[in-house]
Amino acid sequence: MDLILREDIDKLGNRGDLVKVADGYARNYLLPKRLAVPATESNKKIVEQERQGHLRREVKLVGEAQDLATLMSGATVTIAQKAGEMDQLFGSVTSKDIAEALEKQDYHIDRRKIQLAEPIRQLGEYKVPVRLHRDVTAEVLVNVVKEEE
């Protein structure tokens, strides 16, 4: 079945692409979730208009994300945690902790955008990537220090 995608779908195509998929996949998944529409001339025109509007919004979002990335490039976050001998933390520093520390510095970042491969379990300095947009990533320096008793 020929469809026009209304959203970007991994391993299938981008918004506005004309794709050929199995009938069941189209009927049971893509069409009910409004991720695609049948490939007719009228739908092609409508999807093209939607795509143009989406591109304009996308350019604006990328610009805002790049501005925020330049502001955040010099940001340093210090997090105090209890630690034992050998600089091992009693617990860990997660993306939620980093998001809360950034919030105190007036950077309102969703914790899911902080790309921490695994929680930090040692004292020290870490460069943590923050994905502000699909194309824009900023690095924040996270300094984990020992909490004073």
N, C-alpha and C. Protein backbone atom coordinates (compact mmCIF):
# COMPACT_ATOMS: atom_id res chain seq x y z
N MET A 1 0.85 -1.16 0.00
CA MET A 1 0.00 0.00 0.00
C MET A 1 0.91 1.24 0.00
N ASP A 2 0.56 2.22 -0.81
CA ASP A 2 1.32 3.46 -0.88
C ASP A 2 0.75 4.47 0.11
N LEU A 3 1.64 5.04 0.93
CA LEU A 3 1.25 6.01 1.94
C LEU A 3 2.17 7.21 1.91
N ILE A 4 1.68 8.32 2.46
CA ILE A 4 2.50 9.50 2.66
C ILE A 4 2.66 9.66 4.17
N LEU A 5 3.90 9.73 4.63
CA LEU A 5 4.16 9.83 6.07
C LEU A 5 3.87 11.24 6.57
N ARG A 6 3.21 11.32 7.74
CA ARG A 6 2.94 12.60 8.37
C ARG A 6 3.92 12.89 9.49
N GLU A 7 4.69 11.90 9.90
CA GLU A 7 5.69 12.04 10.96
C GLU A 7 6.95 11.28 10.54
N ASP A 8 8.08 11.62 11.17
CA ASP A 8 9.31 10.86 10.94
C ASP A 8 9.19 9.53 11.66
N ILE A 9 9.45 8.44 10.95
CA ILE A 9 9.38 7.11 11.53
C ILE A 9 10.71 6.42 11.28
N ASP A 10 11.34 5.95 12.36
CA ASP A 10 12.63 5.28 12.24
C ASP A 10 12.54 4.08 11.31
N LYS A 11 13.54 3.91 10.49
CA LYS A 11 13.70 2.79 9.56
C LYS A 11 12.61 2.71 8.50
N LEU A 12 11.82 3.80 8.37
CA LEU A 12 10.80 3.82 7.32
C LEU A 12 10.94 5.06 6.44
N GLY A 13 10.99 6.23 7.05
CA GLY A 13 11.14 7.44 6.26
C GLY A 13 10.85 8.68 7.07
N ASN A 14 10.95 9.82 6.41
CA ASN A 14 10.73 11.11 7.04
C ASN A 14 9.37 11.67 6.64
N ARG A 15 8.97 12.72 7.34
CA ARG A 15 7.71 13.40 7.08
C ARG A 15 7.62 13.81 5.61
N GLY A 16 6.50 13.48 4.96
CA GLY A 16 6.27 13.86 3.58
C GLY A 16 6.76 12.84 2.56
N ASP A 17 7.46 11.78 3.00
CA ASP A 17 7.96 10.77 2.07
C ASP A 17 6.83 9.86 1.61
N LEU A 18 6.93 9.43 0.36
CA LEU A 18 6.00 8.45 -0.19
C LEU A 18 6.62 7.08 0.00
N VAL A 19 5.95 6.21 0.77
CA VAL A 19 6.50 4.89 1.08
C VAL A 19 5.51 3.80 0.70
N LYS A 20 6.06 2.63 0.44
CA LYS A 20 5.24 1.45 0.15
C LYS A 20 5.42 0.48 1.32
N VAL A 21 4.30 0.17 1.99
CA VAL A 21 4.35 -0.71 3.16
C VAL A 21 3.33 -1.83 3.00
N ALA A 22 3.45 -2.82 3.85
CA ALA A 22 2.49 -3.93 3.85
C ALA A 22 1.11 -3.42 4.25
N ASP A 23 0.08 -4.02 3.70
CA ASP A 23 -1.29 -3.58 3.97
C ASP A 23 -1.63 -3.64 5.46
N GLY A 24 -1.23 -4.72 6.13
CA GLY A 24 -1.53 -4.87 7.55
C GLY A 24 -0.85 -3.80 8.39
N TYR A 25 0.39 -3.48 8.09
CA TYR A 25 1.13 -2.45 8.82
C TYR A 25 0.44 -1.10 8.65
N ALA A 26 -0.04 -0.84 7.45
CA ALA A 26 -0.73 0.42 7.18
C ALA A 26 -2.07 0.47 7.91
N ARG A 27 -2.89 -0.56 7.77
CA ARG A 27 -4.23 -0.57 8.37
C ARG A 27 -4.21 -0.63 9.88
N ASN A 28 -3.30 -1.42 10.44
CA ASN A 28 -3.32 -1.66 11.88
C ASN A 28 -2.47 -0.69 12.70
N TYR A 29 -1.49 -0.04 12.08
CA TYR A 29 -0.61 0.82 12.85
C TYR A 29 -0.54 2.25 12.33
N LEU A 30 -0.11 2.42 11.10
CA LEU A 30 0.15 3.76 10.59
C LEU A 30 -1.11 4.61 10.44
N LEU A 31 -2.15 4.06 9.85
CA LEU A 31 -3.36 4.84 9.63
C LEU A 31 -4.13 5.14 10.92
N PRO A 32 -4.35 4.17 11.83
CA PRO A 32 -5.08 4.50 13.06
C PRO A 32 -4.36 5.52 13.95
N LYS A 33 -3.03 5.50 13.95
CA LYS A 33 -2.27 6.44 14.78
C LYS A 33 -2.01 7.76 14.05
N ARG A 34 -2.56 7.89 12.86
CA ARG A 34 -2.43 9.10 12.03
C ARG A 34 -0.98 9.47 11.75
N LEU A 35 -0.15 8.43 11.60
CA LEU A 35 1.24 8.64 11.24
C LEU A 35 1.41 8.74 9.73
N ALA A 36 0.40 8.31 8.99
CA ALA A 36 0.45 8.34 7.53
C ALA A 36 -0.96 8.48 6.98
N VAL A 37 -1.04 8.88 5.70
CA VAL A 37 -2.32 8.98 5.00
C VAL A 37 -2.16 8.29 3.65
N PRO A 38 -3.26 7.80 3.07
CA PRO A 38 -3.17 7.18 1.75
C PRO A 38 -2.62 8.16 0.71
N ALA A 39 -1.89 7.64 -0.25
CA ALA A 39 -1.24 8.49 -1.25
C ALA A 39 -2.22 8.85 -2.36
N THR A 40 -2.97 9.94 -2.15
CA THR A 40 -3.84 10.49 -3.18
C THR A 40 -3.35 11.89 -3.51
N GLU A 41 -3.81 12.45 -4.62
CA GLU A 41 -3.35 13.78 -5.02
C GLU A 41 -3.73 14.84 -3.98
N SER A 42 -4.96 14.77 -3.47
CA SER A 42 -5.38 15.78 -2.48
C SER A 42 -4.57 15.64 -1.19
N ASN A 43 -4.30 14.40 -0.78
CA ASN A 43 -3.51 14.20 0.44
C ASN A 43 -2.07 14.67 0.24
N LYS A 44 -1.55 14.52 -0.96
CA LYS A 44 -0.18 14.98 -1.23
C LYS A 44 -0.09 16.48 -1.02
N LYS A 45 -1.09 17.23 -1.48
CA LYS A 45 -1.09 18.68 -1.31
C LYS A 45 -1.20 19.07 0.16
N ILE A 46 -2.09 18.39 0.88
CA ILE A 46 -2.28 18.70 2.30
C ILE A 46 -1.01 18.40 3.09
N VAL A 47 -0.40 17.24 2.84
CA VAL A 47 0.81 16.86 3.56
C VAL A 47 1.96 17.81 3.22
N GLU A 48 2.02 18.27 1.99
CA GLU A 48 3.07 19.22 1.61
C GLU A 48 2.91 20.53 2.37
N GLN A 49 1.67 21.00 2.55
CA GLN A 49 1.44 22.21 3.33
C GLN A 49 1.83 22.00 4.79
N GLU A 50 1.48 20.84 5.34
CA GLU A 50 1.86 20.53 6.72
C GLU A 50 3.38 20.49 6.85
N ARG A 51 4.04 19.92 5.86
CA ARG A 51 5.49 19.79 5.89
C ARG A 51 6.16 21.16 5.86
N GLN A 52 5.63 22.08 5.06
CA GLN A 52 6.20 23.43 5.01
C GLN A 52 6.06 24.13 6.37
N GLY A 53 4.90 23.99 6.99
CA GLY A 53 4.69 24.57 8.32
C GLY A 53 5.62 23.94 9.35
N HIS A 54 5.79 22.64 9.26
CA HIS A 54 6.68 21.93 10.18
C HIS A 54 8.12 22.40 10.01
N LEU A 55 8.56 22.60 8.77
CA LEU A 55 9.92 23.07 8.52
C LEU A 55 10.16 24.45 9.10
N ARG A 56 9.17 25.33 9.00
CA ARG A 56 9.31 26.67 9.59
C ARG A 56 9.44 26.59 11.10
N ARG A 57 8.61 25.76 11.75
CA ARG A 57 8.70 25.60 13.20
C ARG A 57 10.03 24.96 13.59
N GLU A 58 10.47 24.01 12.79
CA GLU A 58 11.73 23.30 13.07
C GLU A 58 12.91 24.26 13.04
N VAL A 59 12.94 25.16 12.07
CA VAL A 59 14.03 26.13 11.97
C VAL A 59 14.05 27.02 13.21
N LYS A 60 12.88 27.43 13.67
CA LYS A 60 12.79 28.27 14.86
C LYS A 60 13.28 27.52 16.09
N LEU A 61 12.88 26.24 16.24
CA LEU A 61 13.30 25.44 17.39
C LEU A 61 14.81 25.20 17.39
N VAL A 62 15.38 24.95 16.21
CA VAL A 62 16.82 24.72 16.12
C VAL A 62 17.57 25.99 16.52
N GLY A 63 17.09 27.14 16.09
CA GLY A 63 17.72 28.41 16.46
C GLY A 63 17.70 28.64 17.96
N GLU A 64 16.54 28.37 18.59
CA GLU A 64 16.44 28.53 20.03
C GLU A 64 17.35 27.56 20.76
N ALA A 65 17.42 26.32 20.27
CA ALA A 65 18.27 25.31 20.91
C ALA A 65 19.75 25.68 20.78
N GLN A 66 20.16 26.24 19.65
CA GLN A 66 21.55 26.65 19.48
C GLN A 66 21.88 27.82 20.41
N ASP A 67 20.96 28.75 20.59
CA ASP A 67 21.18 29.85 21.52
C ASP A 67 21.36 29.33 22.95
N LEU A 68 20.50 28.39 23.34
CA LEU A 68 20.60 27.81 24.67
C LEU A 68 21.90 27.03 24.82
N ALA A 69 22.32 26.35 23.76
CA ALA A 69 23.57 25.58 23.82
C ALA A 69 24.77 26.49 24.03
N THR A 70 24.79 27.66 23.39
CA THR A 70 25.90 28.58 23.59
C THR A 70 25.91 29.11 25.03
N LEU A 71 24.73 29.34 25.61
CA LEU A 71 24.67 29.77 27.00
C LEU A 71 25.14 28.68 27.95
N MET A 72 24.76 27.43 27.65
CA MET A 72 25.08 26.32 28.54
C MET A 72 26.50 25.80 28.38
N SER A 73 27.19 26.20 27.32
CA SER A 73 28.52 25.62 27.07
C SER A 73 29.49 25.91 28.20
N GLY A 74 29.31 27.03 28.91
CA GLY A 74 30.20 27.35 30.02
C GLY A 74 29.64 26.97 31.37
N ALA A 75 28.51 26.31 31.40
CA ALA A 75 27.86 25.98 32.67
C ALA A 75 28.59 24.87 33.40
N THR A 76 28.78 25.07 34.69
CA THR A 76 29.37 24.05 35.55
C THR A 76 28.41 23.80 36.69
N VAL A 77 28.14 22.54 36.94
CA VAL A 77 27.23 22.14 38.00
C VAL A 77 28.03 21.41 39.07
N THR A 78 27.87 21.82 40.32
CA THR A 78 28.55 21.15 41.43
C THR A 78 27.50 20.43 42.26
N ILE A 79 27.71 19.14 42.46
CA ILE A 79 26.78 18.32 43.22
C ILE A 79 27.55 17.69 44.38
N ALA A 80 27.06 17.91 45.59
CA ALA A 80 27.70 17.35 46.78
C ALA A 80 26.97 16.08 47.19
N GLN A 81 27.73 15.01 47.34
CA GLN A 81 27.17 13.71 47.73
C GLN A 81 28.03 13.11 48.84
N LYS A 82 27.42 12.27 49.64
CA LYS A 82 28.19 11.55 50.66
C LYS A 82 29.04 10.51 49.95
N ALA A 83 30.28 10.41 50.40
CA ALA A 83 31.20 9.46 49.79
C ALA A 83 32.04 8.80 50.86
N GLY A 84 32.44 7.58 50.58
CA GLY A 84 33.28 6.84 51.50
C GLY A 84 34.73 6.91 51.07
N GLU A 85 35.49 5.95 51.52
CA GLU A 85 36.89 5.88 51.12
C GLU A 85 36.99 5.53 49.64
N MET A 86 38.12 5.82 49.06
CA MET A 86 38.38 5.54 47.63
C MET A 86 37.45 6.35 46.72
N ASP A 87 36.91 7.47 47.22
CA ASP A 87 36.04 8.36 46.44
C ASP A 87 34.81 7.68 45.86
N GLN A 88 34.33 6.65 46.51
CA GLN A 88 33.14 5.93 46.07
C GLN A 88 31.91 6.57 46.71
N LEU A 89 30.90 6.89 45.92
CA LEU A 89 29.69 7.53 46.43
C LEU A 89 28.78 6.53 47.13
N PHE A 90 28.06 7.00 48.17
CA PHE A 90 27.01 6.21 48.79
C PHE A 90 25.74 6.48 48.00
N GLY A 91 25.57 5.86 46.90
CA GLY A 91 24.46 6.14 45.99
C GLY A 91 25.04 6.55 44.66
N SER A 92 24.33 7.40 43.93
CA SER A 92 24.83 7.83 42.63
C SER A 92 24.22 9.17 42.24
N VAL A 93 24.83 9.79 41.24
CA VAL A 93 24.31 11.04 40.68
C VAL A 93 23.63 10.67 39.37
N THR A 94 22.35 10.98 39.26
CA THR A 94 21.58 10.62 38.08
C THR A 94 21.24 11.87 37.27
N SER A 95 20.60 11.65 36.14
CA SER A 95 20.20 12.78 35.30
C SER A 95 19.20 13.68 36.02
N LYS A 96 18.41 13.11 36.92
CA LYS A 96 17.46 13.91 37.70
C LYS A 96 18.22 14.89 38.60
N ASP A 97 19.30 14.43 39.24
CA ASP A 97 20.09 15.31 40.10
C ASP A 97 20.72 16.44 39.29
N ILE A 98 21.21 16.11 38.11
CA ILE A 98 21.83 17.12 37.25
C ILE A 98 20.78 18.13 36.79
N ALA A 99 19.58 17.65 36.45
CA ALA A 99 18.50 18.54 36.01
C ALA A 99 18.10 19.49 37.13
N GLU A 100 18.05 19.00 38.37
CA GLU A 100 17.70 19.85 39.51
C GLU A 100 18.79 20.90 39.75
N ALA A 101 20.06 20.51 39.60
CA ALA A 101 21.15 21.47 39.78
C ALA A 101 21.12 22.52 38.67
N LEU A 102 20.78 22.13 37.45
CA LEU A 102 20.66 23.10 36.36
C LEU A 102 19.48 24.03 36.59
N GLU A 103 18.42 23.50 37.19
CA GLU A 103 17.23 24.30 37.51
C GLU A 103 17.58 25.44 38.48
N LYS A 104 18.49 25.16 39.42
CA LYS A 104 18.92 26.18 40.36
C LYS A 104 19.70 27.29 39.67
N GLN A 105 20.29 26.97 38.51
CA GLN A 105 21.02 27.97 37.73
C GLN A 105 20.15 28.57 36.63
N ASP A 106 18.84 28.36 36.71
CA ASP A 106 17.85 28.89 35.76
C ASP A 106 17.95 28.31 34.36
N TYR A 107 18.40 27.08 34.25
CA TYR A 107 18.34 26.33 32.98
C TYR A 107 17.25 25.30 33.16
N HIS A 108 16.14 25.47 32.48
CA HIS A 108 15.01 24.55 32.63
C HIS A 108 15.14 23.45 31.57
N ILE A 109 15.78 22.36 31.96
CA ILE A 109 16.06 21.24 31.06
C ILE A 109 15.34 20.01 31.58
N ASP A 110 14.66 19.31 30.69
CA ASP A 110 14.00 18.05 31.06
C ASP A 110 15.07 17.00 31.32
N ARG A 111 14.89 16.20 32.36
CA ARG A 111 15.90 15.22 32.73
C ARG A 111 16.13 14.18 31.63
N ARG A 112 15.14 13.95 30.79
CA ARG A 112 15.30 12.96 29.71
C ARG A 112 16.23 13.45 28.61
N LYS A 113 16.49 14.75 28.58
CA LYS A 113 17.40 15.29 27.58
C LYS A 113 18.85 15.18 28.01
N ILE A 114 19.08 14.90 29.28
CA ILE A 114 20.44 14.73 29.78
C ILE A 114 20.85 13.30 29.49
N GLN A 115 21.87 13.14 28.65
CA GLN A 115 22.24 11.82 28.16
C GLN A 115 23.39 11.24 28.98
N LEU A 116 23.02 10.72 30.12
CA LEU A 116 23.97 10.10 31.02
C LEU A 116 23.90 8.60 30.76
N ALA A 117 25.00 8.02 30.26
CA ALA A 117 25.00 6.60 29.90
C ALA A 117 24.69 5.73 31.11
N GLU A 118 25.32 6.04 32.22
CA GLU A 118 25.04 5.34 33.47
C GLU A 118 25.25 6.32 34.61
N PRO A 119 24.61 6.09 35.74
CA PRO A 119 24.75 7.02 36.86
C PRO A 119 26.21 7.17 37.30
N ILE A 120 26.54 8.36 37.79
CA ILE A 120 27.90 8.64 38.25
C ILE A 120 28.05 8.09 39.66
N ARG A 121 29.07 7.27 39.89
CA ARG A 121 29.28 6.64 41.18
C ARG A 121 30.61 7.01 41.83
N GLN A 122 31.38 7.90 41.21
CA GLN A 122 32.68 8.30 41.73
C GLN A 122 32.74 9.82 41.84
N LEU A 123 33.58 10.31 42.74
CA LEU A 123 33.83 11.75 42.82
C LEU A 123 34.65 12.16 41.61
N GLY A 124 34.52 13.41 41.18
CA GLY A 124 35.33 13.90 40.07
C GLY A 124 34.55 14.82 39.15
N GLU A 125 35.17 15.16 38.02
CA GLU A 125 34.55 16.01 37.02
C GLU A 125 34.14 15.15 35.83
N TYR A 126 32.95 15.42 35.31
CA TYR A 126 32.41 14.67 34.18
C TYR A 126 31.81 15.63 33.18
N LYS A 127 32.01 15.36 31.90
CA LYS A 127 31.33 16.12 30.84
C LYS A 127 30.10 15.32 30.45
N VAL A 128 28.95 15.94 30.63
CA VAL A 128 27.68 15.26 30.37
C VAL A 128 26.99 15.94 29.20
N PRO A 129 26.68 15.19 28.13
CA PRO A 129 25.97 15.78 27.00
C PRO A 129 24.49 16.01 27.31
N VAL A 130 23.98 17.14 26.85
CA VAL A 130 22.56 17.48 27.00
C VAL A 130 22.02 17.69 25.59
N ARG A 131 21.09 16.85 25.20
CA ARG A 131 20.54 16.92 23.84
C ARG A 131 19.34 17.87 23.85
N LEU A 132 19.60 19.09 23.39
CA LEU A 132 18.56 20.12 23.40
C LEU A 132 17.61 19.98 22.22
N HIS A 133 18.10 19.41 21.15
CA HIS A 133 17.31 19.20 19.93
C HIS A 133 17.95 18.02 19.22
N ARG A 134 17.26 17.50 18.24
CA ARG A 134 17.78 16.37 17.48
C ARG A 134 19.16 16.67 16.89
N ASP A 135 19.39 17.92 16.50
CA ASP A 135 20.65 18.31 15.87
C ASP A 135 21.58 19.11 16.78
N VAL A 136 21.13 19.48 17.98
CA VAL A 136 21.91 20.36 18.85
C VAL A 136 22.18 19.66 20.18
N THR A 137 23.46 19.53 20.52
CA THR A 137 23.86 18.94 21.79
C THR A 137 24.86 19.87 22.48
N ALA A 138 24.65 20.09 23.76
CA ALA A 138 25.56 20.92 24.55
C ALA A 138 26.19 20.04 25.62
N GLU A 139 27.39 20.41 26.06
CA GLU A 139 28.05 19.67 27.13
C GLU A 139 28.07 20.52 28.40
N VAL A 140 27.72 19.88 29.51
CA VAL A 140 27.73 20.54 30.80
C VAL A 140 28.78 19.85 31.66
N LEU A 141 29.58 20.62 32.36
CA LEU A 141 30.59 20.06 33.24
C LEU A 141 29.96 19.82 34.60
N VAL A 142 29.96 18.55 35.04
CA VAL A 142 29.39 18.17 36.32
C VAL A 142 30.53 17.84 37.27
N ASN A 143 30.60 18.55 38.36
CA ASN A 143 31.64 18.36 39.35
C ASN A 143 31.01 17.71 40.58
N VAL A 144 31.36 16.46 40.85
CA VAL A 144 30.82 15.74 41.99
C VAL A 144 31.84 15.82 43.11
N VAL A 145 31.44 16.45 44.21
CA VAL A 145 32.34 16.65 45.35
C VAL A 145 31.80 15.94 46.58
N LYS A 146 32.70 15.76 47.56
CA LYS A 146 32.34 15.09 48.79
C LYS A 146 31.55 16.04 49.69
N GLU A 147 30.43 15.57 50.21
CA GLU A 147 29.60 16.37 51.08
C GLU A 147 30.25 16.48 52.44
N GLU A 148 30.24 17.69 52.98
CA GLU A 148 30.82 17.89 54.31
C GLU A 148 29.82 17.43 55.37
N GLU A 149 30.33 16.71 56.36
CA GLU A 149 29.43 16.23 57.42
C GLU A 149 29.12 17.31 58.40
